[in-house]
Every structure is written in C-alpha cells, then in structure tokens.
Amino acid sequence: MPFEKKYVDVNGSRMAYVDEGTGPVVLFLHGNPTSSYLWRNIIPFVLDGDTETASDYRAIAPDLIGMGDSDKPDIDYTFADHAAYLDGFIAALGLEDITLVIHDWGSVLGMRYARLNEGNVQAVAFMEAGIPPALPAPSLEAMGEPSASLFGMLRSPAGEAAVLQGNFFVEEVLGKMAVATPLSQEVLDHYRAPFPTPESRKPTLAWPRQVPIAGEPADTAAVITANGEWLYSNELPKLMLHVAPGALMPPPVVEYVKANASNLEDVFLGPGIHFIQEDHPEAIGRALRDWLDRLPG
C-alpha cells in the first residue's frame, strides 16, 4: 500500500482512510471484500497530472466499516449500517463538492449518497456497479449462471461456512473467480489481512445477503431501485468504465446504461470480470484523469 492511512471517529468506531493531495475532492468507494487498497494503482493518476497546468485533486478512499483497517464493531453490517457510517465519515471530514468514483457495493452506497445529497456531488464515475436493470433481481434464476448458483449457495448454511471458515470471498471470489489475471500472493495477502478469523469475516458474509433477490431484503431493493431512477434522470456528468464479459455489468446492462443515462461518457477497458481495478489500473487511471480534467468548473 503506497499511502499511509489516517483515522477518524465515526459513530463510536474508527474508520481508516487514505487522504492524499489537495484540491477538489475525489472520493473512492470500494465494495466486498476489498478496501481502499483496491484503488492503490489508480489514485496516483488523480494526484499527478500530465502537464504543469493540470488541476490538482484531493483523493480520499475510506475503508468501509468492518473492512480494511477500519474497526469491526458488533453490528449486523447491513446496507443501512454501512450507509450510516459512510454518511458519518463524509460529515466528519467535512467533504464538499464531491466527485464519486465507485465500484461494487461502493456504487450502491455512493449513488444513494448522491441521490440524497445532490448539492454535494458534482459528478460520478462508476464501474461494475449494482444498478438496474441487473438489480434488484426478480429471482435467483433470473440472475443466470454462475450468479444464481453462487448467490444461492451464499444464502445457505454451506455458504456461511465457506465464508466464515474458508474466507471464501477473498480466496475464491477475489482470488480466482472475478479477476481476469491471477493476483500475486503479495496482493492476496494484503486482501486477506483484515479477515484473519471467522468473526472478522462477518461483513463479507453480510454483503452478499444484502443483494436484493425476489424482493428481499426489501430495504436494499428499494435503495437500488431509487438509485436507478436517479441515475437515469439526472444531468450530473457520469463516466462508465466497463469490461467484457463483466459480472454486475455484462454487455446488455452496459448497453442499457448507454441508452438511458444522460451526460454519460463510457470507456471500454477490454476483457475483465468484476475486480477490474486489478486488471486495468492504468487504463482506469488515465480515463478517470482525462474525464476529471474536462469536468466543468
């Protein structure tokens, strides 16, 4: 990790975060089972422009509560829990005029924040996001394979054992299933570090059980539905970074977004599945920096 972590108290727990540079705020939000480490190779592009006249930015990347180097309080780690801690984090740091860069559950959290705080968000860049029409899923079967089998398993006692005892989300999903290029042991060890015990892995089990399928959980289904209505109706500048075949955003979802979201730029990165920051960090960094420098104001 090339950046030193800082800490802030939020709702009685410490949240760890990266805070580098000065200027307009670019807030990076990760998902499951990652941390601010996911953005380690992309943040430098935001900090270092190609020319002497390039704008400066302040890159901030929190570790969501229970993840990375943040505390692991005794909570259920529902979406509502994470949203409350993220809201508290933004308030504690006094972040204003934010540009969001979001992925996985970070995309659901980020879009919710943008939807509820439109005056404080200037633009949104998203990748492998949990959005309509992919989510909410009407049924497991509608998700198609391999997602249907995966999420069905994760809702079962066998899934609980796999995640809590075997660190399934790091070892199998991140380590094998959802990257196009195998991760080095050094990188995997960094992702493993926050989850050394079954108890510490509780957040990584809670997250997949928050995915709305057949109407449940109802509150998360409502959030993602509202996020979709917001995404397809507002005029904020948007950047969509996508891969093929993708996971949360396969080509049909990408085409839907392109057809229905206004003020959208899209960049195809090449082959990839879900953790595209590990496969295409330089391409993401360059596309993000170029887009940031062209944003109005």
Protein backbone atom coordinates (compact mmCIF):
# COMPACT_ATOMS: atom_id res chain seq x y z
CA MET A 1 0.00 0.00 0.00
CA PRO A 2 1.78 3.17 -1.14
CA PHE A 3 -0.31 5.51 1.01
CA GLU A 4 -0.39 5.99 4.76
CA LYS A 5 -3.73 5.51 6.47
CA LYS A 6 -5.41 8.15 8.59
CA TYR A 7 -8.23 7.56 11.08
CA VAL A 8 -11.41 9.34 12.09
CA ASP A 9 -14.04 8.53 14.71
CA VAL A 10 -17.46 7.76 13.23
CA ASN A 11 -20.39 6.57 15.34
CA GLY A 12 -18.03 5.45 18.09
CA SER A 13 -15.67 3.46 15.85
CA ARG A 14 -12.50 4.33 13.95
CA MET A 15 -12.64 4.40 10.18
CA ALA A 16 -9.37 4.19 8.27
CA TYR A 17 -8.85 6.14 5.06
CA VAL A 18 -6.38 7.39 2.50
CA ASP A 19 -6.26 11.18 2.09
CA GLU A 20 -3.74 12.46 -0.47
CA GLY A 21 -3.33 15.69 -2.41
CA THR A 22 -5.19 18.98 -2.36
CA GLY A 23 -7.98 20.41 -4.46
CA PRO A 24 -11.44 19.22 -5.46
CA VAL A 25 -12.46 16.05 -3.63
CA VAL A 26 -12.46 12.72 -5.46
CA LEU A 27 -13.99 10.09 -3.18
CA PHE A 28 -13.22 6.43 -3.97
CA LEU A 29 -15.64 3.83 -2.58
CA HIS A 30 -14.90 0.09 -2.64
CA GLY A 31 -17.12 -2.94 -2.08
CA ASN A 32 -16.85 -6.54 -0.86
CA PRO A 33 -14.31 -7.90 0.21
CA THR A 34 -11.88 -5.12 -0.64
CA SER A 35 -10.72 -1.83 0.91
CA SER A 36 -9.02 1.38 -0.11
CA TYR A 37 -6.19 -0.91 -1.28
CA LEU A 38 -8.31 -1.61 -4.38
CA TRP A 39 -7.57 1.94 -5.59
CA ARG A 40 -3.82 1.96 -4.85
CA ASN A 41 -2.77 1.94 -8.52
CA ILE A 42 -5.46 4.40 -9.67
CA ILE A 43 -5.15 7.17 -7.09
CA PRO A 44 -1.71 8.27 -8.41
CA PHE A 45 -3.29 9.25 -11.74
CA VAL A 46 -5.65 11.59 -9.88
CA LEU A 47 -2.79 13.15 -7.94
CA ASP A 48 -0.29 13.59 -10.77
CA GLY A 49 -1.33 15.42 -13.92
CA ASP A 50 0.49 15.08 -17.24
CA THR A 51 1.21 18.80 -17.53
CA GLU A 52 2.26 21.66 -15.28
CA THR A 53 -1.14 23.28 -15.80
CA ALA A 54 -3.13 20.17 -14.85
CA SER A 55 -5.51 20.58 -11.93
CA ASP A 56 -4.75 19.17 -8.51
CA TYR A 57 -7.20 16.88 -6.73
CA ARG A 58 -7.68 15.53 -3.24
CA ALA A 59 -8.09 11.75 -3.37
CA ILE A 60 -9.91 10.18 -0.41
CA ALA A 61 -10.55 6.45 -0.09
CA PRO A 62 -12.11 5.08 3.11
CA ASP A 63 -12.09 1.51 4.32
CA LEU A 64 -15.79 0.78 4.87
CA ILE A 65 -16.69 -0.11 8.42
CA GLY A 66 -15.60 -3.65 9.28
CA MET A 67 -13.27 -3.77 6.30
CA GLY A 68 -9.65 -2.93 5.62
CA ASP A 69 -8.09 -1.21 8.63
CA SER A 70 -11.38 0.18 9.95
CA ASP A 71 -12.82 -1.08 13.23
CA LYS A 72 -15.16 -4.05 13.37
CA PRO A 73 -17.93 -3.04 15.77
CA ASP A 74 -20.56 -5.55 16.88
CA ILE A 75 -23.20 -4.66 14.28
CA ASP A 76 -25.06 -6.64 11.62
CA TYR A 77 -23.24 -4.98 8.68
CA THR A 78 -26.44 -4.40 6.77
CA PHE A 79 -26.53 -1.90 3.94
CA ALA A 80 -28.17 0.59 6.33
CA ASP A 81 -25.28 0.16 8.77
CA HIS A 82 -22.71 0.89 6.05
CA ALA A 83 -24.70 3.87 4.79
CA ALA A 84 -24.83 5.38 8.28
CA TYR A 85 -21.06 5.03 8.68
CA LEU A 86 -20.36 6.44 5.22
CA ASP A 87 -22.64 9.42 5.86
CA GLY A 88 -20.85 9.95 9.16
CA PHE A 89 -17.45 9.68 7.52
CA ILE A 90 -18.27 12.33 4.91
CA ALA A 91 -19.67 14.62 7.60
CA ALA A 92 -16.71 14.07 9.93
CA LEU A 93 -14.25 15.09 7.21
CA GLY A 94 -16.47 17.95 6.04
CA LEU A 95 -16.25 16.81 2.42
CA GLU A 96 -17.90 19.12 -0.12
CA ASP A 97 -18.39 19.24 -3.89
CA ILE A 98 -17.52 15.56 -4.20
CA THR A 99 -16.77 13.60 -7.35
CA LEU A 100 -17.51 9.94 -6.69
CA VAL A 101 -15.50 7.00 -8.07
CA ILE A 102 -17.42 3.87 -7.13
CA HIS A 103 -17.42 0.09 -7.52
CA ASP A 104 -19.45 -2.91 -6.31
CA TRP A 105 -21.31 -2.07 -3.07
CA GLY A 106 -19.46 1.24 -3.06
CA SER A 107 -21.56 2.10 -6.09
CA VAL A 108 -24.83 1.48 -4.25
CA LEU A 109 -23.61 3.48 -1.26
CA GLY A 110 -22.27 6.26 -3.47
CA MET A 111 -25.35 6.60 -5.64
CA ARG A 112 -27.55 6.62 -2.56
CA TYR A 113 -25.45 9.43 -1.10
CA ALA A 114 -25.53 11.38 -4.36
CA ARG A 115 -29.28 10.93 -4.67
CA LEU A 116 -29.91 12.22 -1.15
CA ASN A 117 -27.25 14.96 -1.26
CA GLU A 118 -27.35 16.22 -4.83
CA GLY A 119 -25.96 19.61 -3.93
CA ASN A 120 -22.79 18.00 -2.56
CA VAL A 121 -21.95 15.71 -5.52
CA GLN A 122 -20.54 17.12 -8.74
CA ALA A 123 -20.01 14.01 -10.87
CA VAL A 124 -19.98 10.20 -10.70
CA ALA A 125 -17.62 7.63 -12.22
CA PHE A 126 -18.77 4.05 -11.81
CA MET A 127 -17.64 0.54 -12.75
CA GLU A 128 -19.10 -2.90 -12.10
CA ALA A 129 -21.92 -1.17 -10.25
CA GLY A 130 -25.01 -2.65 -8.66
CA ILE A 131 -27.71 -0.88 -10.66
CA PRO A 132 -30.91 -1.57 -12.57
CA PRO A 133 -31.67 -3.40 -14.80
CA ALA A 134 -29.37 -6.09 -13.31
CA LEU A 135 -30.52 -5.43 -9.75
CA PRO A 136 -32.87 -5.87 -7.98
CA ALA A 137 -33.09 -9.41 -9.36
CA PRO A 138 -36.65 -10.78 -9.70
CA SER A 139 -35.41 -14.28 -8.79
CA LEU A 140 -32.27 -16.34 -8.44
CA GLU A 141 -32.96 -17.96 -11.80
CA ALA A 142 -33.23 -14.57 -13.49
CA MET A 143 -29.64 -13.83 -12.49
CA GLY A 144 -28.38 -16.54 -14.81
CA GLU A 145 -25.35 -18.72 -14.21
CA PRO A 146 -22.96 -18.67 -12.46
CA SER A 147 -24.54 -15.91 -10.36
CA ALA A 148 -27.66 -17.90 -9.49
CA SER A 149 -25.68 -20.81 -8.07
CA LEU A 150 -23.24 -18.51 -6.29
CA PHE A 151 -25.83 -16.36 -4.53
CA GLY A 152 -28.00 -19.37 -3.75
CA MET A 153 -25.04 -21.01 -2.05
CA LEU A 154 -24.14 -17.85 -0.15
CA ARG A 155 -27.63 -17.74 1.38
CA SER A 156 -27.29 -21.32 2.67
CA PRO A 157 -25.56 -22.82 5.73
CA ALA A 158 -22.89 -24.11 3.34
CA GLY A 159 -22.28 -20.55 2.17
CA GLU A 160 -21.97 -19.32 5.74
CA ALA A 161 -19.35 -21.98 6.45
CA ALA A 162 -17.48 -21.22 3.24
CA VAL A 163 -17.27 -17.50 4.01
CA LEU A 164 -16.66 -17.59 7.76
CA GLN A 165 -14.41 -20.65 7.89
CA GLY A 166 -12.78 -20.55 4.46
CA ASN A 167 -12.64 -16.79 3.76
CA PHE A 168 -14.49 -17.59 0.53
CA PHE A 169 -14.85 -14.04 -0.73
CA VAL A 170 -11.12 -13.37 -0.62
CA GLU A 171 -9.79 -16.80 -1.52
CA GLU A 172 -12.29 -17.80 -4.21
CA VAL A 173 -14.24 -14.79 -5.49
CA LEU A 174 -11.47 -12.19 -5.42
CA GLY A 175 -8.60 -14.64 -5.72
CA LYS A 176 -9.93 -16.76 -8.59
CA MET A 177 -13.43 -16.19 -9.93
CA ALA A 178 -13.68 -12.44 -10.52
CA VAL A 179 -10.31 -11.37 -11.93
CA ALA A 180 -9.01 -11.94 -15.44
CA THR A 181 -5.39 -12.01 -14.28
CA PRO A 182 -4.42 -14.08 -11.21
CA LEU A 183 -3.39 -11.97 -8.23
CA SER A 184 0.06 -12.33 -6.73
CA GLN A 185 0.42 -13.81 -3.26
CA GLU A 186 1.61 -10.42 -2.02
CA VAL A 187 -1.59 -8.75 -3.21
CA LEU A 188 -3.78 -11.58 -1.90
CA ASP A 189 -2.05 -11.40 1.46
CA HIS A 190 -2.96 -7.73 1.71
CA TYR A 191 -6.61 -8.52 0.97
CA ARG A 192 -6.51 -11.41 3.48
CA ALA A 193 -5.06 -9.34 6.31
CA PRO A 194 -8.32 -7.71 7.55
CA PHE A 195 -10.08 -11.10 7.83
CA PRO A 196 -7.89 -13.47 9.88
CA THR A 197 -10.72 -15.11 11.88
CA PRO A 198 -14.28 -16.30 11.25
CA GLU A 199 -15.65 -13.46 13.37
CA SER A 200 -13.71 -10.86 11.39
CA ARG A 201 -15.26 -12.16 8.15
CA LYS A 202 -18.80 -11.31 9.23
CA PRO A 203 -19.00 -8.26 6.91
CA THR A 204 -18.05 -10.36 3.87
CA LEU A 205 -20.95 -12.73 4.57
CA ALA A 206 -23.45 -9.96 5.24
CA TRP A 207 -22.80 -8.19 1.93
CA PRO A 208 -23.95 -10.94 -0.48
CA ARG A 209 -27.02 -11.47 1.67
CA GLN A 210 -27.91 -7.82 1.09
CA VAL A 211 -28.18 -8.36 -2.67
CA PRO A 212 -31.91 -7.90 -3.41
CA ILE A 213 -33.38 -11.05 -4.94
CA ALA A 214 -37.12 -11.68 -5.24
CA GLY A 215 -37.81 -8.54 -3.23
CA GLU A 216 -35.58 -9.34 -0.26
CA PRO A 217 -34.07 -7.55 1.55
CA ALA A 218 -36.83 -5.05 0.83
CA ASP A 219 -34.90 -2.00 2.04
CA THR A 220 -31.91 -2.71 -0.20
CA ALA A 221 -34.23 -3.41 -3.13
CA ALA A 222 -35.84 -0.02 -2.56
CA VAL A 223 -32.47 1.74 -2.41
CA ILE A 224 -31.19 0.22 -5.66
CA THR A 225 -34.50 0.91 -7.43
CA ALA A 226 -34.39 4.55 -6.30
CA ASN A 227 -30.73 4.77 -7.31
CA GLY A 228 -31.68 3.61 -10.79
CA GLU A 229 -34.42 6.22 -11.09
CA TRP A 230 -31.85 8.83 -10.05
CA LEU A 231 -29.13 7.54 -12.37
CA TYR A 232 -31.36 7.65 -15.43
CA SER A 233 -32.98 11.01 -14.73
CA ASN A 234 -30.29 13.43 -13.53
CA GLU A 235 -27.87 15.54 -15.55
CA LEU A 236 -24.72 15.12 -13.47
CA PRO A 237 -21.62 14.23 -15.52
CA LYS A 238 -21.10 10.47 -15.49
CA LEU A 239 -18.28 8.18 -16.53
CA MET A 240 -18.92 4.45 -17.00
CA LEU A 241 -15.89 2.18 -17.18
CA HIS A 242 -16.72 -1.34 -18.35
CA VAL A 243 -15.27 -4.67 -19.41
CA ALA A 244 -16.43 -7.86 -21.10
CA PRO A 245 -17.92 -10.16 -20.01
CA GLY A 246 -18.21 -8.30 -16.70
CA ALA A 247 -20.21 -9.58 -13.75
CA LEU A 248 -22.59 -6.98 -12.32
CA MET A 249 -22.49 -5.07 -15.60
CA PRO A 250 -22.43 -7.51 -18.54
CA PRO A 251 -22.81 -6.08 -22.07
CA PRO A 252 -26.65 -5.90 -22.02
CA VAL A 253 -26.55 -3.80 -18.85
CA VAL A 254 -23.84 -1.58 -20.32
CA GLU A 255 -25.94 -1.02 -23.44
CA TYR A 256 -28.97 -0.18 -21.31
CA VAL A 257 -26.98 2.42 -19.38
CA LYS A 258 -25.63 3.93 -22.59
CA ALA A 259 -29.14 4.19 -24.00
CA ASN A 260 -30.79 5.64 -20.89
CA ALA A 261 -28.28 7.72 -18.89
CA SER A 262 -27.74 11.31 -19.93
CA ASN A 263 -24.46 13.25 -19.80
CA LEU A 264 -22.62 9.93 -19.91
CA GLU A 265 -19.18 9.04 -21.22
CA ASP A 266 -18.19 5.41 -21.43
CA VAL A 267 -14.82 3.72 -21.78
CA PHE A 268 -14.40 0.06 -22.70
CA LEU A 269 -11.32 -1.30 -20.97
CA GLY A 270 -11.10 -4.76 -22.52
CA PRO A 271 -11.54 -8.23 -21.03
CA GLY A 272 -12.47 -8.42 -17.39
CA ILE A 273 -14.92 -9.76 -14.85
CA HIS A 274 -15.51 -7.80 -11.66
CA PHE A 275 -12.38 -6.53 -9.87
CA ILE A 276 -11.30 -4.57 -12.90
CA GLN A 277 -9.01 -2.29 -10.88
CA GLU A 278 -6.63 -5.26 -10.62
CA ASP A 279 -6.74 -5.98 -14.37
CA HIS A 280 -6.78 -2.46 -15.84
CA PRO A 281 -5.43 0.04 -13.29
CA GLU A 282 -3.52 2.18 -15.79
CA ALA A 283 -6.40 2.37 -18.28
CA ILE A 284 -8.83 3.26 -15.49
CA GLY A 285 -6.45 5.85 -14.09
CA ARG A 286 -5.84 7.55 -17.42
CA ALA A 287 -9.52 7.57 -18.40
CA LEU A 288 -10.52 8.90 -14.99
CA ARG A 289 -7.89 11.65 -15.04
CA ASP A 290 -8.84 12.74 -18.56
CA TRP A 291 -12.52 12.90 -17.57
CA LEU A 292 -11.79 14.78 -14.34
CA ASP A 293 -9.79 17.42 -16.18
CA ARG A 294 -12.66 18.02 -18.59
CA LEU A 295 -15.40 18.37 -15.97
CA PRO A 296 -17.00 21.83 -15.86
CA GLY A 297 -15.69 24.06 -13.12
